[in-house]
Amino acid sequence: MATMSLPVEQRVRKIQPLTIRITHWVNALAMFIMIGSGWRIFNDSPLFPFIFDPDFTLGGDVYVSQRLWQDSGMGGALQWHFAGMWLLVLNGLVYFVYNLATGRFAMKLLPVTVNGLVDDIRDALTLKLSHADLGVYNHVQKLLYIGVLALGVLVVLSGLAIWKPVQLWWLTDLFYGFQGARWVHFLCMSGFVLFLIVHLTLAILVPRTILSMITGNAPPAHAANQKE
């Protein structure tokens, strides 16, 4: 019995559609803009007795009607933040519509069970969590993705409540006022940062995931072999 690899057309398996790959990288750019500019805006009116290092924020002085708007870099930060917001919202709409229309949400993120979570957490802590099939999410990944999607909805709604507290008073009231919306917005941002840390750590530990998100294909290392 000889062992030989399958032909290329059979070996290569598409696991990330083009729409998912585009929205993933656009979302990464939007999050970079939103977090960086958000930290600069936070520094102007901190919720806690600390500020973020300006070198790690996005923004700066801008000219408005031929006059310099200095305001601690708030002018540039707000412009960046609004640009990132629209990019995030429009990209998010494409992502949600595509996943709902194709049934990808149900296929990739459901079901999530308590037993499955316990088993996957145990395997992760003992370094036995399988990454054999990048096209299948484990229960921990499913829960993380569901959580970050929920954070995305909350961060947009709370951001709108902060932006238009008078016009959207009913939305602001849902967050118990302007300050409540700020707290929710900040906590959502913190959740995104934690998710990105975990996401990047896993990508570094399993670099094949980065390749699959660029090409859309399951890396050759995951291709099956055929015995004859």
Protein backbone atom coordinates (compact mmCIF):
# COMPACT_ATOMS: atom_id res chain seq x y z
CA MET A 1 0.00 0.00 0.00
CA ALA A 2 1.56 3.30 -1.09
CA THR A 3 0.74 6.68 0.40
CA MET A 4 0.40 9.66 -1.88
CA SER A 5 -1.01 13.14 -1.55
CA LEU A 6 -4.33 14.04 -3.06
CA PRO A 7 -4.30 16.22 -6.19
CA VAL A 8 -4.11 19.94 -5.50
CA GLU A 9 -7.71 20.53 -6.54
CA GLN A 10 -8.79 18.02 -3.90
CA ARG A 11 -6.26 19.05 -1.26
CA VAL A 12 -7.13 22.73 -1.15
CA ARG A 13 -10.35 23.42 0.70
CA LYS A 14 -11.97 26.85 0.85
CA ILE A 15 -12.85 27.65 4.48
CA GLN A 16 -13.04 31.46 4.42
CA PRO A 17 -15.24 33.05 1.72
CA LEU A 18 -14.04 36.25 0.07
CA THR A 19 -16.73 38.36 1.78
CA ILE A 20 -15.64 37.11 5.21
CA ARG A 21 -11.98 37.83 4.48
CA ILE A 22 -12.64 41.36 3.22
CA THR A 23 -14.92 42.28 6.13
CA HIS A 24 -12.43 40.75 8.59
CA TRP A 25 -9.55 42.95 7.47
CA VAL A 26 -11.71 46.06 7.04
CA ASN A 27 -13.01 45.47 10.57
CA ALA A 28 -9.42 45.18 11.85
CA LEU A 29 -8.66 48.61 10.33
CA ALA A 30 -11.87 50.10 11.75
CA MET A 31 -11.09 48.77 15.24
CA PHE A 32 -7.56 50.19 15.11
CA ILE A 33 -8.96 53.61 14.21
CA MET A 34 -11.78 53.46 16.78
CA ILE A 35 -9.63 52.34 19.70
CA GLY A 36 -6.73 54.69 18.98
CA SER A 37 -8.92 57.76 18.52
CA GLY A 38 -11.20 56.68 21.39
CA TRP A 39 -8.28 56.68 23.80
CA ARG A 40 -7.42 60.25 22.77
CA ILE A 41 -11.05 61.31 23.30
CA PHE A 42 -11.06 59.54 26.69
CA ASN A 43 -8.01 61.56 27.73
CA ASP A 44 -10.01 64.78 27.28
CA SER A 45 -12.55 63.68 29.91
CA PRO A 46 -11.31 60.57 31.76
CA LEU A 47 -13.69 58.23 33.56
CA PHE A 48 -10.80 57.06 35.74
CA PRO A 49 -7.84 58.88 37.35
CA PHE A 50 -5.51 58.00 34.49
CA ILE A 51 -5.03 58.76 30.80
CA PHE A 52 -3.64 56.79 27.90
CA ASP A 53 -0.16 57.60 26.66
CA PRO A 54 -0.67 60.03 23.74
CA ASP A 55 1.95 58.10 21.75
CA PHE A 56 -0.49 55.17 21.65
CA THR A 57 -3.50 57.25 20.61
CA LEU A 58 -4.73 58.52 17.26
CA GLY A 59 -5.58 62.15 16.58
CA GLY A 60 -4.00 65.57 16.70
CA ASP A 61 -4.50 69.21 15.90
CA VAL A 62 -6.61 70.04 12.83
CA TYR A 63 -7.51 73.20 10.99
CA VAL A 64 -11.15 74.22 10.96
CA SER A 65 -12.07 77.24 8.83
CA GLN A 66 -8.40 78.22 8.64
CA ARG A 67 -8.09 78.22 12.45
CA LEU A 68 -6.18 75.65 14.44
CA TRP A 69 -8.38 73.49 16.66
CA GLN A 70 -5.88 72.51 19.34
CA ASP A 71 -8.10 71.26 22.18
CA SER A 72 -5.61 68.57 23.26
CA GLY A 73 -5.82 66.84 19.88
CA MET A 74 -9.58 66.37 20.16
CA GLY A 75 -10.25 67.74 16.67
CA GLY A 76 -8.26 65.09 14.85
CA ALA A 77 -9.36 62.36 17.27
CA LEU A 78 -13.05 63.08 16.66
CA GLN A 79 -12.57 63.11 12.91
CA TRP A 80 -10.75 59.78 13.04
CA HIS A 81 -13.38 58.35 15.41
CA PHE A 82 -16.30 59.27 13.15
CA ALA A 83 -14.47 57.89 10.11
CA GLY A 84 -13.84 54.64 11.97
CA MET A 85 -17.45 54.55 13.16
CA TRP A 86 -18.93 54.71 9.67
CA LEU A 87 -16.42 52.16 8.41
CA LEU A 88 -17.32 49.84 11.30
CA VAL A 89 -21.09 50.26 10.82
CA LEU A 90 -21.14 49.79 7.04
CA ASN A 91 -18.71 46.89 7.17
CA GLY A 92 -20.68 45.34 10.03
CA LEU A 93 -23.91 45.54 8.06
CA VAL A 94 -22.31 43.70 5.13
CA TYR A 95 -20.95 41.08 7.53
CA PHE A 96 -24.27 40.52 9.33
CA VAL A 97 -26.36 40.41 6.15
CA TYR A 98 -23.97 37.96 4.48
CA ASN A 99 -23.80 35.62 7.49
CA LEU A 100 -27.57 35.68 8.06
CA ALA A 101 -28.38 35.19 4.37
CA THR A 102 -26.01 32.25 3.96
CA GLY A 103 -26.78 30.65 7.32
CA ARG A 104 -23.11 30.91 8.27
CA PHE A 105 -23.91 32.20 11.78
CA ALA A 106 -25.89 29.10 12.69
CA MET A 107 -23.40 26.79 10.99
CA LYS A 108 -20.27 28.28 12.58
CA LEU A 109 -21.41 29.58 15.97
CA LEU A 110 -24.11 27.15 17.08
CA PRO A 111 -24.62 25.18 19.18
CA VAL A 112 -22.65 26.22 22.29
CA THR A 113 -23.04 23.81 25.20
CA VAL A 114 -21.81 23.91 28.79
CA ASN A 115 -20.22 20.46 28.46
CA GLY A 116 -18.49 21.53 25.26
CA LEU A 117 -17.13 24.68 26.93
CA VAL A 118 -15.84 22.74 29.94
CA ASP A 119 -14.15 20.15 27.71
CA ASP A 120 -12.54 22.77 25.45
CA ILE A 121 -11.33 24.89 28.38
CA ARG A 122 -9.80 21.77 29.97
CA ASP A 123 -8.10 20.86 26.70
CA ALA A 124 -6.82 24.42 26.28
CA LEU A 125 -5.35 24.51 29.80
CA THR A 126 -3.61 21.17 29.22
CA LEU A 127 -2.41 22.26 25.74
CA LYS A 128 -4.45 19.52 24.09
CA LEU A 129 -6.94 21.71 22.23
CA SER A 130 -7.10 20.51 18.64
CA HIS A 131 -6.52 22.86 15.70
CA ALA A 132 -6.69 20.10 13.10
CA ASP A 133 -9.59 21.67 11.19
CA LEU A 134 -9.46 25.47 10.96
CA GLY A 135 -12.90 25.49 9.39
CA VAL A 136 -14.53 24.29 12.62
CA TYR A 137 -14.72 26.52 15.71
CA ASN A 138 -14.47 25.00 19.18
CA HIS A 139 -16.93 26.04 21.88
CA VAL A 140 -14.59 28.65 23.36
CA GLN A 141 -14.14 30.29 19.97
CA LYS A 142 -17.89 30.24 19.36
CA LEU A 143 -18.57 31.97 22.68
CA LEU A 144 -15.86 34.57 22.05
CA TYR A 145 -17.20 35.40 18.59
CA ILE A 146 -20.79 35.63 19.84
CA GLY A 147 -19.59 37.90 22.65
CA VAL A 148 -17.62 40.22 20.36
CA LEU A 149 -20.57 40.49 17.96
CA ALA A 150 -22.78 41.52 20.88
CA LEU A 151 -20.13 44.06 21.92
CA GLY A 152 -20.17 45.43 18.37
CA VAL A 153 -23.89 46.13 18.58
CA LEU A 154 -23.56 47.71 22.04
CA VAL A 155 -20.60 49.89 21.09
CA VAL A 156 -22.48 51.33 18.09
CA LEU A 157 -25.68 51.99 20.08
CA SER A 158 -23.85 53.55 23.02
CA GLY A 159 -21.74 55.61 20.60
CA LEU A 160 -24.89 56.98 18.95
CA ALA A 161 -26.29 57.83 22.39
CA ILE A 162 -23.11 59.80 23.18
CA TRP A 163 -23.04 61.51 19.78
CA LYS A 164 -26.71 62.59 19.72
CA PRO A 165 -27.92 62.53 23.36
CA VAL A 166 -30.72 65.06 22.68
CA GLN A 167 -31.97 63.83 19.31
CA LEU A 168 -31.69 60.19 20.42
CA TRP A 169 -32.82 60.82 23.99
CA TRP A 170 -34.75 57.54 24.09
CA LEU A 171 -31.58 55.63 23.26
CA THR A 172 -29.57 57.60 25.80
CA ASP A 173 -32.21 56.81 28.43
CA LEU A 174 -31.72 53.09 27.77
CA PHE A 175 -28.13 53.53 28.97
CA TYR A 176 -29.26 55.53 32.04
CA GLY A 177 -28.11 58.83 30.60
CA PHE A 178 -25.08 60.30 28.88
CA GLN A 179 -22.59 59.13 31.50
CA GLY A 180 -24.09 55.65 31.49
CA ALA A 181 -23.61 55.48 27.73
CA ARG A 182 -19.98 56.57 28.19
CA TRP A 183 -19.40 53.78 30.69
CA VAL A 184 -20.95 51.18 28.40
CA HIS A 185 -18.92 52.51 25.47
CA PHE A 186 -15.69 52.34 27.46
CA LEU A 187 -16.41 48.83 28.77
CA CYS A 188 -17.20 47.63 25.23
CA MET A 189 -13.90 49.11 24.04
CA SER A 190 -12.11 47.30 26.87
CA GLY A 191 -13.83 44.07 25.83
CA PHE A 192 -12.62 44.57 22.25
CA VAL A 193 -9.06 45.12 23.44
CA LEU A 194 -9.15 41.92 25.52
CA PHE A 195 -10.61 40.02 22.56
CA LEU A 196 -7.88 41.35 20.26
CA ILE A 197 -5.19 40.28 22.73
CA VAL A 198 -6.59 36.73 22.84
CA HIS A 199 -7.22 36.70 19.08
CA LEU A 200 -3.69 37.83 18.21
CA THR A 201 -2.15 35.44 20.74
CA LEU A 202 -3.98 32.50 19.18
CA ALA A 203 -3.04 33.68 15.68
CA ILE A 204 0.63 33.74 16.71
CA LEU A 205 0.36 30.27 18.29
CA VAL A 206 -1.46 28.90 15.22
CA PRO A 207 -0.10 31.04 12.33
CA ARG A 208 -1.93 28.91 9.74
CA THR A 209 -5.08 30.82 10.72
CA ILE A 210 -3.55 34.03 9.36
CA LEU A 211 -2.77 32.34 6.05
CA SER A 212 -6.32 31.00 5.76
CA MET A 213 -7.75 34.47 6.37
CA ILE A 214 -5.59 35.82 3.53
CA THR A 215 -6.04 33.09 0.93
CA GLY A 216 -9.34 31.65 2.13
CA ASN A 217 -7.96 28.12 1.86
CA ALA A 218 -7.23 25.51 4.49
CA PRO A 219 -3.40 25.34 4.66
CA PRO A 220 -1.82 22.30 2.93
CA ALA A 221 -0.84 20.93 6.35
CA HIS A 222 -4.52 20.19 6.94
CA ALA A 223 -5.05 18.28 3.72
CA ALA A 224 -5.85 14.63 4.04
CA ASN A 225 -3.74 11.87 2.57
CA GLN A 226 -5.13 9.01 0.53
CA LYS A 227 -3.87 5.45 0.79
CA GLU A 228 -3.85 3.13 -2.20
